[in-house]
Amino acid sequence: MENIEQLIHSATDVAETKIELMKLKAAGKISASLSSLVAVIMVMVFTVAGLLILSFGFAFLIGDKLHNISYGFFIVGGFYALVGLLVFYNRKKWVQDPLSNLFIDKIIK
């Protein structure tokens, strides 16, 4: 009888240890995924800020060359509209699939 109680106690300890290990692995995967997400967001913020400054610079430069500042802004705006349409029509291949794969890789590792 004592051996059975000891066996049940040992099995309970093993089960609790496995549950704790699964919790720690899940926490590690979640923290790795979140840190990757924060890093991607930070890169995107700085990239957008840089593109914004460059866009203003090019718009003023083009407008200065055409002797009308508004023409420069229309040309730069048209360029971004074309790029936006191109990204929109290829969003699955260029944006959705790579981001999905990135998150899946982070969760699986």
PDB file of N, CA and C in Angstrom:
ATOM      1  N   MET A   1       0.824  -1.198   0.000  1.00  0.00           N
ATOM      2  CA  MET A   1       0.000   0.000   0.000  1.00  0.00           C
ATOM      3  C   MET A   1       0.868   1.262   0.000  1.00  0.00           C
ATOM      4  N   GLU A   2       1.939   1.212   0.776  1.00  0.00           N
ATOM      5  CA  GLU A   2       2.830   2.367   0.859  1.00  0.00           C
ATOM      6  C   GLU A   2       3.506   2.630  -0.482  1.00  0.00           C
ATOM      7  N   ASN A   3       3.849   1.556  -1.204  1.00  0.00           N
ATOM      8  CA  ASN A   3       4.472   1.703  -2.526  1.00  0.00           C
ATOM      9  C   ASN A   3       3.518   2.367  -3.523  1.00  0.00           C
ATOM     10  N   ILE A   4       2.236   2.040  -3.411  1.00  0.00           N
ATOM     11  CA  ILE A   4       1.240   2.632  -4.310  1.00  0.00           C
ATOM     12  C   ILE A   4       1.098   4.116  -4.023  1.00  0.00           C
ATOM     13  N   GLU A   5       1.066   4.474  -2.762  1.00  0.00           N
ATOM     14  CA  GLU A   5       0.986   5.896  -2.398  1.00  0.00           C
ATOM     15  C   GLU A   5       2.219   6.657  -2.861  1.00  0.00           C
ATOM     16  N   GLN A   6       3.370   6.040  -2.721  1.00  0.00           N
ATOM     17  CA  GLN A   6       4.620   6.663  -3.157  1.00  0.00           C
ATOM     18  C   GLN A   6       4.633   6.807  -4.679  1.00  0.00           C
ATOM     19  N   LEU A   7       4.117   5.801  -5.387  1.00  0.00           N
ATOM     20  CA  LEU A   7       4.034   5.850  -6.841  1.00  0.00           C
ATOM     21  C   LEU A   7       3.082   6.956  -7.295  1.00  0.00           C
ATOM     22  N   ILE A   8       1.949   7.083  -6.628  1.00  0.00           N
ATOM     23  CA  ILE A   8       0.987   8.147  -6.949  1.00  0.00           C
ATOM     24  C   ILE A   8       1.603   9.514  -6.672  1.00  0.00           C
ATOM     25  N   HIS A   9       2.316   9.633  -5.575  1.00  0.00           N
ATOM     26  CA  HIS A   9       2.971  10.897  -5.228  1.00  0.00           C
ATOM     27  C   HIS A   9       4.031  11.252  -6.276  1.00  0.00           C
ATOM     28  N   SER A  10       4.811  10.274  -6.701  1.00  0.00           N
ATOM     29  CA  SER A  10       5.843  10.503  -7.723  1.00  0.00           C
ATOM     30  C   SER A  10       5.206  10.895  -9.059  1.00  0.00           C
ATOM     31  N   ALA A  11       4.121  10.211  -9.426  1.00  0.00           N
ATOM     32  CA  ALA A  11       3.432  10.533 -10.679  1.00  0.00           C
ATOM     33  C   ALA A  11       2.867  11.945 -10.631  1.00  0.00           C
ATOM     34  N   THR A  12       2.354  12.355  -9.492  1.00  0.00           N
ATOM     35  CA  THR A  12       1.828  13.708  -9.310  1.00  0.00           C
ATOM     36  C   THR A  12       2.940  14.733  -9.453  1.00  0.00           C
ATOM     37  N   ASP A  13       4.097  14.436  -8.858  1.00  0.00           N
ATOM     38  CA  ASP A  13       5.245  15.349  -8.973  1.00  0.00           C
ATOM     39  C   ASP A  13       5.705  15.482 -10.421  1.00  0.00           C
ATOM     40  N   VAL A  14       5.750  14.368 -11.138  1.00  0.00           N
ATOM     41  CA  VAL A  14       6.160  14.399 -12.547  1.00  0.00           C
ATOM     42  C   VAL A  14       5.165  15.209 -13.364  1.00  0.00           C
ATOM     43  N   ALA A  15       3.879  15.027 -13.129  1.00  0.00           N
ATOM     44  CA  ALA A  15       2.855  15.769 -13.861  1.00  0.00           C
ATOM     45  C   ALA A  15       2.956  17.264 -13.575  1.00  0.00           C
ATOM     46  N   GLU A  16       3.154  17.622 -12.318  1.00  0.00           N
ATOM     47  CA  GLU A  16       3.294  19.039 -11.961  1.00  0.00           C
ATOM     48  C   GLU A  16       4.536  19.651 -12.607  1.00  0.00           C
ATOM     49  N   THR A  17       5.626  18.884 -12.633  1.00  0.00           N
ATOM     50  CA  THR A  17       6.859  19.369 -13.254  1.00  0.00           C
ATOM     51  C   THR A  17       6.668  19.571 -14.746  1.00  0.00           C
ATOM     52  N   LYS A  18       5.979  18.633 -15.403  1.00  0.00           N
ATOM     53  CA  LYS A  18       5.730  18.780 -16.844  1.00  0.00           C
ATOM     54  C   LYS A  18       4.834  19.983 -17.131  1.00  0.00           C
ATOM     55  N   ILE A  19       3.847  20.216 -16.305  1.00  0.00           N
ATOM     56  CA  ILE A  19       2.976  21.378 -16.485  1.00  0.00           C
ATOM     57  C   ILE A  19       3.773  22.662 -16.318  1.00  0.00           C
ATOM     58  N   GLU A  20       4.632  22.703 -15.308  1.00  0.00           N
ATOM     59  CA  GLU A  20       5.466  23.892 -15.084  1.00  0.00           C
ATOM     60  C   GLU A  20       6.415  24.114 -16.258  1.00  0.00           C
ATOM     61  N   LEU A  21       6.989  23.036 -16.786  1.00  0.00           N
ATOM     62  CA  LEU A  21       7.883  23.143 -17.939  1.00  0.00           C
ATOM     63  C   LEU A  21       7.142  23.679 -19.163  1.00  0.00           C
ATOM     64  N   MET A  22       5.919  23.209 -19.397  1.00  0.00           N
ATOM     65  CA  MET A  22       5.128  23.712 -20.521  1.00  0.00           C
ATOM     66  C   MET A  22       4.816  25.197 -20.353  1.00  0.00           C
ATOM     67  N   LYS A  23       4.517  25.606 -19.119  1.00  0.00           N
ATOM     68  CA  LYS A  23       4.253  27.022 -18.856  1.00  0.00           C
ATOM     69  C   LYS A  23       5.481  27.873 -19.161  1.00  0.00           C
ATOM     70  N   LEU A  24       6.654  27.398 -18.732  1.00  0.00           N
ATOM     71  CA  LEU A  24       7.884  28.150 -18.971  1.00  0.00           C
ATOM     72  C   LEU A  24       8.222  28.213 -20.461  1.00  0.00           C
ATOM     73  N   LYS A  25       8.009  27.127 -21.179  1.00  0.00           N
ATOM     74  CA  LYS A  25       8.261  27.130 -22.627  1.00  0.00           C
ATOM     75  C   LYS A  25       7.305  28.096 -23.329  1.00  0.00           C
ATOM     76  N   ALA A  26       6.036  28.077 -22.924  1.00  0.00           N
ATOM     77  CA  ALA A  26       5.063  28.989 -23.531  1.00  0.00           C
ATOM     78  C   ALA A  26       5.429  30.436 -23.235  1.00  0.00           C
ATOM     79  N   ALA A  27       5.848  30.712 -22.013  1.00  0.00           N
ATOM     80  CA  ALA A  27       6.238  32.083 -21.660  1.00  0.00           C
ATOM     81  C   ALA A  27       7.454  32.513 -22.475  1.00  0.00           C
ATOM     82  N   GLY A  28       8.399  31.617 -22.674  1.00  0.00           N
ATOM     83  CA  GLY A  28       9.575  31.934 -23.489  1.00  0.00           C
ATOM     84  C   GLY A  28       9.201  32.239 -24.926  1.00  0.00           C
ATOM     85  N   LYS A  29       8.308  31.445 -25.487  1.00  0.00           N
ATOM     86  CA  LYS A  29       7.884  31.676 -26.878  1.00  0.00           C
ATOM     87  C   LYS A  29       7.108  32.982 -27.008  1.00  0.00           C
ATOM     88  N   ILE A  30       6.255  33.260 -26.037  1.00  0.00           N
ATOM     89  CA  ILE A  30       5.483  34.499 -26.079  1.00  0.00           C
ATOM     90  C   ILE A  30       6.405  35.705 -25.952  1.00  0.00           C
ATOM     91  N   SER A  31       7.361  35.638 -25.033  1.00  0.00           N
ATOM     92  CA  SER A  31       8.265  36.779 -24.864  1.00  0.00           C
ATOM     93  C   SER A  31       9.146  36.973 -26.094  1.00  0.00           C
ATOM     94  N   ALA A  32       9.588  35.880 -26.728  1.00  0.00           N
ATOM     95  CA  ALA A  32      10.389  36.006 -27.955  1.00  0.00           C
ATOM     96  C   ALA A  32       9.559  36.614 -29.072  1.00  0.00           C
ATOM     97  N   SER A  33       8.309  36.196 -29.194  1.00  0.00           N
ATOM     98  CA  SER A  33       7.435  36.742 -30.229  1.00  0.00           C
ATOM     99  C   SER A  33       7.161  38.224 -29.992  1.00  0.00           C
ATOM    100  N   LEU A  34       6.879  38.589 -28.754  1.00  0.00           N
ATOM    101  CA  LEU A  34       6.598  39.987 -28.453  1.00  0.00           C
ATOM    102  C   LEU A  34       7.827  40.869 -28.651  1.00  0.00           C
ATOM    103  N   SER A  35       8.995  40.372 -28.269  1.00  0.00           N
ATOM    104  CA  SER A  35      10.201  41.180 -28.466  1.00  0.00           C
ATOM    105  C   SER A  35      10.493  41.360 -29.950  1.00  0.00           C
ATOM    106  N   SER A  36      10.232  40.336 -30.755  1.00  0.00           N
ATOM    107  CA  SER A  36      10.401  40.476 -32.205  1.00  0.00           C
ATOM    108  C   SER A  36       9.408  41.480 -32.764  1.00  0.00           C
ATOM    109  N   LEU A  37       8.189  41.441 -32.267  1.00  0.00           N
ATOM    110  CA  LEU A  37       7.167  42.376 -32.726  1.00  0.00           C
ATOM    111  C   LEU A  37       7.551  43.811 -32.370  1.00  0.00           C
ATOM    112  N   VAL A  38       8.042  44.020 -31.166  1.00  0.00           N
ATOM    113  CA  VAL A  38       8.459  45.363 -30.751  1.00  0.00           C
ATOM    114  C   VAL A  38       9.622  45.847 -31.618  1.00  0.00           C
ATOM    115  N   ALA A  39      10.561  44.959 -31.912  1.00  0.00           N
ATOM    116  CA  ALA A  39      11.693  45.337 -32.757  1.00  0.00           C
ATOM    117  C   ALA A  39      11.222  45.716 -34.153  1.00  0.00           C
ATOM    118  N   VAL A  40      10.302  44.956 -34.716  1.00  0.00           N
ATOM    119  CA  VAL A  40       9.771  45.261 -36.050  1.00  0.00           C
ATOM    120  C   VAL A  40       9.034  46.597 -36.030  1.00  0.00           C
ATOM    121  N   ILE A  41       8.254  46.846 -35.000  1.00  0.00           N
ATOM    122  CA  ILE A  41       7.524  48.113 -34.901  1.00  0.00           C
ATOM    123  C   ILE A  41       8.493  49.282 -34.796  1.00  0.00           C
ATOM    124  N   MET A  42       9.564  49.127 -34.014  1.00  0.00           N
ATOM    125  CA  MET A  42      10.549  50.207 -33.887  1.00  0.00           C
ATOM    126  C   MET A  42      11.227  50.491 -35.220  1.00  0.00           C
ATOM    127  N   VAL A  43      11.594  49.447 -35.942  1.00  0.00           N
ATOM    128  CA  VAL A  43      12.210  49.637 -37.260  1.00  0.00           C
ATOM    129  C   VAL A  43      11.238  50.330 -38.196  1.00  0.00           C
ATOM    130  N   MET A  44       9.967  49.946 -38.142  1.00  0.00           N
ATOM    131  CA  MET A  44       8.968  50.568 -39.005  1.00  0.00           C
ATOM    132  C   MET A  44       8.788  52.048 -38.671  1.00  0.00           C
ATOM    133  N   VAL A  45       8.774  52.390 -37.393  1.00  0.00           N
ATOM    134  CA  VAL A  45       8.606  53.787 -36.984  1.00  0.00           C
ATOM    135  C   VAL A  45       9.755  54.640 -37.515  1.00  0.00           C
ATOM    136  N   PHE A  46      10.995  54.165 -37.328  1.00  0.00           N
ATOM    137  CA  PHE A  46      12.143  54.931 -37.808  1.00  0.00           C
ATOM    138  C   PHE A  46      12.189  54.986 -39.336  1.00  0.00           C
ATOM    139  N   THR A  47      11.777  53.908 -39.992  1.00  0.00           N
ATOM    140  CA  THR A  47      11.734  53.907 -41.450  1.00  0.00           C
ATOM    141  C   THR A  47      10.706  54.903 -41.963  1.00  0.00           C
ATOM    142  N   VAL A  48       9.535  54.917 -41.342  1.00  0.00           N
ATOM    143  CA  VAL A  48       8.489  55.862 -41.757  1.00  0.00           C
ATOM    144  C   VAL A  48       8.945  57.297 -41.516  1.00  0.00           C
ATOM    145  N   ALA A  49       9.588  57.550 -40.375  1.00  0.00           N
ATOM    146  CA  ALA A  49      10.080  58.901 -40.100  1.00  0.00           C
ATOM    147  C   ALA A  49      11.122  59.319 -41.127  1.00  0.00           C
ATOM    148  N   GLY A  50      12.039  58.420 -41.463  1.00  0.00           N
ATOM    149  CA  GLY A  50      13.044  58.721 -42.485  1.00  0.00           C
ATOM    150  C   GLY A  50      12.425  58.960 -43.846  1.00  0.00           C
ATOM    151  N   LEU A  51      11.459  58.116 -44.225  1.00  0.00           N
ATOM    152  CA  LEU A  51      10.787  58.307 -45.519  1.00  0.00           C
ATOM    153  C   LEU A  51      10.015  59.620 -45.559  1.00  0.00           C
ATOM    154  N   LEU A  52       9.429  59.989 -44.447  1.00  0.00           N
ATOM    155  CA  LEU A  52       8.690  61.245 -44.393  1.00  0.00           C
ATOM    156  C   LEU A  52       9.627  62.432 -44.618  1.00  0.00           C
ATOM    157  N   ILE A  53      10.751  62.417 -43.947  1.00  0.00           N
ATOM    158  CA  ILE A  53      11.716  63.514 -44.120  1.00  0.00           C
ATOM    159  C   ILE A  53      12.264  63.535 -45.538  1.00  0.00           C
ATOM    160  N   LEU A  54      12.616  62.363 -46.067  1.00  0.00           N
ATOM    161  CA  LEU A  54      13.112  62.295 -47.450  1.00  0.00           C
ATOM    162  C   LEU A  54      12.043  62.746 -48.450  1.00  0.00           C
ATOM    163  N   SER A  55      10.798  62.378 -48.190  1.00  0.00           N
ATOM    164  CA  SER A  55       9.707  62.765 -49.090  1.00  0.00           C
ATOM    165  C   SER A  55       9.548  64.280 -49.144  1.00  0.00           C
ATOM    166  N   PHE A  56       9.600  64.923 -47.984  1.00  0.00           N
ATOM    167  CA  PHE A  56       9.520  66.383 -47.971  1.00  0.00           C
ATOM    168  C   PHE A  56      10.700  66.996 -48.718  1.00  0.00           C
ATOM    169  N   GLY A  57      11.874  66.426 -48.488  1.00  0.00           N
ATOM    170  CA  GLY A  57      13.056  66.941 -49.180  1.00  0.00           C
ATOM    171  C   GLY A  57      12.938  66.813 -50.688  1.00  0.00           C
ATOM    172  N   PHE A  58      12.529  65.646 -51.163  1.00  0.00           N
ATOM    173  CA  PHE A  58      12.370  65.453 -52.609  1.00  0.00           C
ATOM    174  C   PHE A  58      11.252  66.323 -53.166  1.00  0.00           C
ATOM    175  N   ALA A  59      10.169  66.463 -52.419  1.00  0.00           N
ATOM    176  CA  ALA A  59       9.069  67.300 -52.905  1.00  0.00           C
ATOM    177  C   ALA A  59       9.526  68.749 -53.066  1.00  0.00           C
ATOM    178  N   PHE A  60      10.254  69.266 -52.086  1.00  0.00           N
ATOM    179  CA  PHE A  60      10.766  70.630 -52.202  1.00  0.00           C
ATOM    180  C   PHE A  60      11.793  70.745 -53.323  1.00  0.00           C
ATOM    181  N   LEU A  61      12.647  69.730 -53.469  1.00  0.00           N
ATOM    182  CA  LEU A  61      13.662  69.751 -54.525  1.00  0.00           C
ATOM    183  C   LEU A  61      13.023  69.743 -55.912  1.00  0.00           C
ATOM    184  N   ILE A  62      12.068  68.844 -56.119  1.00  0.00           N
ATOM    185  CA  ILE A  62      11.380  68.775 -57.418  1.00  0.00           C
ATOM    186  C   ILE A  62      10.592  70.053 -57.661  1.00  0.00           C
ATOM    187  N   GLY A  63       9.894  70.525 -56.633  1.00  0.00           N
ATOM    188  CA  GLY A  63       9.138  71.764 -56.781  1.00  0.00           C
ATOM    189  C   GLY A  63      10.021  72.948 -57.092  1.00  0.00           C
ATOM    190  N   ASP A  64      11.209  72.982 -56.492  1.00  0.00           N
ATOM    191  CA  ASP A  64      12.150  74.071 -56.770  1.00  0.00           C
ATOM    192  C   ASP A  64      12.627  74.010 -58.218  1.00  0.00           C
ATOM    193  N   LYS A  65      12.894  72.818 -58.709  1.00  0.00           N
ATOM    194  CA  LYS A  65      13.344  72.666 -60.101  1.00  0.00           C
ATOM    195  C   LYS A  65      12.238  73.023 -61.098  1.00  0.00           C
ATOM    196  N   LEU A  66      10.982  72.774 -60.725  1.00  0.00           N
ATOM    197  CA  LEU A  66       9.851  73.091 -61.604  1.00  0.00           C
ATOM    198  C   LEU A  66       9.291  74.489 -61.342  1.00  0.00           C
ATOM    199  N   HIS A  67       9.887  75.209 -60.425  1.00  0.00           N
ATOM    200  CA  HIS A  67       9.492  76.580 -60.069  1.00  0.00           C
ATOM    201  C   HIS A  67       8.081  76.655 -59.505  1.00  0.00           C
ATOM    202  N   ASN A  68       7.616  75.552 -58.908  1.00  0.00           N
ATOM    203  CA  ASN A  68       6.325  75.533 -58.228  1.00  0.00           C
ATOM    204  C   ASN A  68       6.373  74.401 -57.201  1.00  0.00           C
ATOM    205  N   ILE A  69       6.429  74.758 -55.932  1.00  0.00           N
ATOM    206  CA  ILE A  69       6.594  73.769 -54.860  1.00  0.00           C
ATOM    207  C   ILE A  69       5.457  72.751 -54.862  1.00  0.00           C
ATOM    208  N   SER A  70       4.251  73.176 -55.165  1.00  0.00           N
ATOM    209  CA  SER A  70       3.131  72.239 -55.121  1.00  0.00           C
ATOM    210  C   SER A  70       3.284  71.117 -56.147  1.00  0.00           C
ATOM    211  N   TYR A  71       3.926  71.389 -57.284  1.00  0.00           N
ATOM    212  CA  TYR A  71       4.158  70.337 -58.277  1.00  0.00           C
ATOM    213  C   TYR A  71       5.022  69.220 -57.679  1.00  0.00           C
ATOM    214  N   GLY A  72       6.005  69.597 -56.911  1.00  0.00           N
ATOM    215  CA  GLY A  72       6.858  68.601 -56.268  1.00  0.00           C
ATOM    216  C   GLY A  72       6.066  67.703 -55.328  1.00  0.00           C
ATOM    217  N   PHE A  73       5.158  68.303 -54.567  1.00  0.00           N
ATOM    218  CA  PHE A  73       4.356  67.502 -53.646  1.00  0.00           C
ATOM    219  C   PHE A  73       3.378  66.614 -54.402  1.00  0.00           C
ATOM    220  N   PHE A  74       2.815  67.100 -55.521  1.00  0.00           N
ATOM    221  CA  PHE A  74       1.926  66.262 -56.314  1.00  0.00           C
ATOM    222  C   PHE A  74       2.681  65.090 -56.930  1.00  0.00           C
ATOM    223  N   ILE A  75       3.882  65.321 -57.396  1.00  0.00           N
ATOM    224  CA  ILE A  75       4.671  64.247 -58.006  1.00  0.00           C
ATOM    225  C   ILE A  75       5.048  63.194 -56.953  1.00  0.00           C
ATOM    226  N   VAL A  76       5.518  63.645 -55.792  1.00  0.00           N
ATOM    227  CA  VAL A  76       5.877  62.699 -54.731  1.00  0.00           C
ATOM    228  C   VAL A  76       4.632  61.957 -54.243  1.00  0.00           C
ATOM    229  N   GLY A  77       3.516  62.658 -54.100  1.00  0.00           N
ATOM    230  CA  GLY A  77       2.267  62.012 -53.701  1.00  0.00           C
ATOM    231  C   GLY A  77       1.806  60.989 -54.716  1.00  0.00           C
ATOM    232  N   GLY A  78       1.936  61.303 -56.001  1.00  0.00           N
ATOM    233  CA  GLY A  78       1.581  60.349 -57.052  1.00  0.00           C
ATOM    234  C   GLY A  78       2.464  59.119 -57.017  1.00  0.00           C
ATOM    235  N   PHE A  79       3.754  59.332 -56.758  1.00  0.00           N
ATOM    236  CA  PHE A  79       4.671  58.200 -56.636  1.00  0.00           C
ATOM    237  C   PHE A  79       4.229  57.271 -55.507  1.00  0.00           C
ATOM    238  N   TYR A  80       3.905  57.855 -54.348  1.00  0.00           N
ATOM    239  CA  TYR A  80       3.461  57.019 -53.228  1.00  0.00           C
ATOM    240  C   TYR A  80       2.118  56.357 -53.511  1.00  0.00           C
ATOM    241  N   ALA A  81       1.256  57.001 -54.249  1.00  0.00           N
ATOM    242  CA  ALA A  81      -0.020  56.378 -54.627  1.00  0.00           C
ATOM    243  C   ALA A  81       0.230  55.153 -55.500  1.00  0.00           C
ATOM    244  N   LEU A  82       1.153  55.268 -56.451  1.00  0.00           N
ATOM    245  CA  LEU A  82       1.481  54.118 -57.306  1.00  0.00           C
ATOM    246  C   LEU A  82       2.111  52.987 -56.496  1.00  0.00           C
ATOM    247  N   VAL A  83       3.021  53.328 -55.595  1.00  0.00           N
ATOM    248  CA  VAL A  83       3.640  52.312 -54.744  1.00  0.00           C
ATOM    249  C   VAL A  83       2.578  51.659 -53.858  1.00  0.00           C
ATOM    250  N   GLY A  84       1.659  52.461 -53.333  1.00  0.00           N
ATOM    251  CA  GLY A  84       0.585  51.926 -52.503  1.00  0.00           C
ATOM    252  C   GLY A  84      -0.304  50.953 -53.263  1.00  0.00           C
ATOM    253  N   LEU A  85      -0.644  51.288 -54.497  1.00  0.00           N
ATOM    254  CA  LEU A  85      -1.446  50.371 -55.318  1.00  0.00           C
ATOM    255  C   LEU A  85      -0.685  49.078 -55.602  1.00  0.00           C
ATOM    256  N   LEU A  86       0.604  49.208 -55.886  1.00  0.00           N
ATOM    257  CA  LEU A  86       1.425  48.031 -56.152  1.00  0.00           C
ATOM    258  C   LEU A  86       1.486  47.118 -54.919  1.00  0.00           C
ATOM    259  N   VAL A  87       1.671  47.696 -53.767  1.00  0.00           N
ATOM    260  CA  VAL A  87       1.700  46.908 -52.526  1.00  0.00           C
ATOM    261  C   VAL A  87       0.329  46.313 -52.240  1.00  0.00           C
ATOM    262  N   PHE A  88      -0.733  47.083 -52.485  1.00  0.00           N
ATOM    263  CA  PHE A  88      -2.090  46.586 -52.233  1.00  0.00           C
ATOM    264  C   PHE A  88      -2.377  45.343 -53.068  1.00  0.00           C
ATOM    265  N   TYR A  89      -2.022  45.380 -54.339  1.00  0.00           N
ATOM    266  CA  TYR A  89      -2.316  44.245 -55.204  1.00  0.00           C
ATOM    267  C   TYR A  89      -1.401  43.050 -54.952  1.00  0.00           C
ATOM    268  N   ASN A  90      -0.277  43.253 -54.308  1.00  0.00           N
ATOM    269  CA  ASN A  90       0.638  42.156 -53.996  1.00  0.00           C
ATOM    270  C   ASN A  90       0.763  41.929 -52.491  1.00  0.00           C
ATOM    271  N   ARG A  91      -0.229  42.388 -51.713  1.00  0.00           N
ATOM    272  CA  ARG A  91      -0.121  42.353 -50.253  1.00  0.00           C
ATOM    273  C   ARG A  91       0.001  40.939 -49.700  1.00  0.00           C
ATOM    274  N   LYS A  92      -0.663  39.973 -50.299  1.00  0.00           N
ATOM    275  CA  LYS A  92      -0.588  38.604 -49.779  1.00  0.00           C
ATOM    276  C   LYS A  92       0.824  38.061 -49.915  1.00  0.00           C
ATOM    277  N   LYS A  93       1.419  38.250 -51.078  1.00  0.00           N
ATOM    278  CA  LYS A  93       2.755  37.710 -51.331  1.00  0.00           C
ATOM    279  C   LYS A  93       3.838  38.511 -50.618  1.00  0.00           C
ATOM    280  N   TRP A  94       3.694  39.821 -50.535  1.00  0.00           N
ATOM    281  CA  TRP A  94       4.755  40.680 -50.007  1.00  0.00           C
ATOM    282  C   TRP A  94       4.639  40.961 -48.514  1.00  0.00           C
ATOM    283  N   VAL A  95       3.392  40.935 -47.977  1.00  0.00           N
ATOM    284  CA  VAL A  95       3.211  41.345 -46.583  1.00  0.00           C
ATOM    285  C   VAL A  95       2.651  40.215 -45.721  1.00  0.00           C
ATOM    286  N   GLN A  96       1.497  39.685 -46.092  1.00  0.00           N
ATOM    287  CA  GLN A  96       0.805  38.729 -45.231  1.00  0.00           C
ATOM    288  C   GLN A  96       1.578  37.421 -45.061  1.00  0.00           C
ATOM    289  N   ASP A  97       2.014  36.815 -46.156  1.00  0.00           N
ATOM    290  CA  ASP A  97       2.727  35.541 -46.055  1.00  0.00           C
ATOM    291  C   ASP A  97       4.048  35.660 -45.297  1.00  0.00           C
ATOM    292  N   PRO A  98       4.905  36.657 -45.595  1.00  0.00           N
ATOM    293  CA  PRO A  98       6.141  36.754 -44.815  1.00  0.00           C
ATOM    294  C   PRO A  98       5.911  37.008 -43.323  1.00  0.00           C
ATOM    295  N   LEU A  99       4.929  37.853 -42.977  1.00  0.00           N
ATOM    296  CA  LEU A  99       4.659  38.102 -41.559  1.00  0.00           C
ATOM    297  C   LEU A  99       4.115  36.854 -40.870  1.00  0.00           C
ATOM    298  N   SER A 100       3.239  36.129 -41.551  1.00  0.00           N
ATOM    299  CA  SER A 100       2.715  34.880 -40.980  1.00  0.00           C
ATOM    300  C   SER A 100       3.845  33.889 -40.748  1.00  0.00           C
ATOM    301  N   ASN A 101       4.723  33.754 -41.731  1.00  0.00           N
ATOM    302  CA  ASN A 101       5.851  32.831 -41.589  1.00  0.00           C
ATOM    303  C   ASN A 101       6.777  33.250 -40.457  1.00  0.00           C
ATOM    304  N   LEU A 102       6.988  34.558 -40.299  1.00  0.00           N
ATOM    305  CA  LEU A 102       7.842  35.052 -39.224  1.00  0.00           C
ATOM    306  C   LEU A 102       7.271  34.682 -37.858  1.00  0.00           C
ATOM    307  N   PHE A 103       5.970  34.897 -37.668  1.00  0.00           N
ATOM    308  CA  PHE A 103       5.361  34.585 -36.380  1.00  0.00           C
ATOM    309  C   PHE A 103       5.328  33.074 -36.134  1.00  0.00           C
ATOM    310  N   ILE A 104       5.053  32.297 -37.180  1.00  0.00           N
ATOM    311  CA  ILE A 104       5.042  30.837 -37.029  1.00  0.00           C
ATOM    312  C   ILE A 104       6.427  30.337 -36.655  1.00  0.00           C
ATOM    313  N   ASP A 105       7.464  30.859 -37.318  1.00  0.00           N
ATOM    314  CA  ASP A 105       8.838  30.459 -36.986  1.00  0.00           C
ATOM    315  C   ASP A 105       9.176  30.802 -35.538  1.00  0.00           C
ATOM    316  N   LYS A 106       8.769  31.986 -35.075  1.00  0.00           N
ATOM    317  CA  LYS A 106       9.072  32.395 -33.708  1.00  0.00           C
ATOM    318  C   LYS A 106       8.345  31.502 -32.695  1.00  0.00           C
ATOM    319  N   ILE A 107       7.130  31.102 -33.020  1.00  0.00           N
ATOM    320  CA  ILE A 107       6.357  30.278 -32.089  1.00  0.00           C
ATOM    321  C   ILE A 107       6.879  28.842 -32.063  1.00  0.00           C
ATOM    322  N   ILE A 108       7.279  28.317 -33.230  1.00  0.00           N
ATOM    323  CA  ILE A 108       7.738  26.932 -33.308  1.00  0.00           C
ATOM    324  C   ILE A 108       9.109  26.766 -32.651  1.00  0.00           C
ATOM    325  N   LYS A 109      10.006  27.748 -32.822  1.00  0.00           N
ATOM    326  CA  LYS A 109      11.357  27.616 -32.262  1.00  0.00           C
ATOM    327  C   LYS A 109      11.358  27.651 -30.761  1.00  0.00           C
TER     328      LYS A 109
END
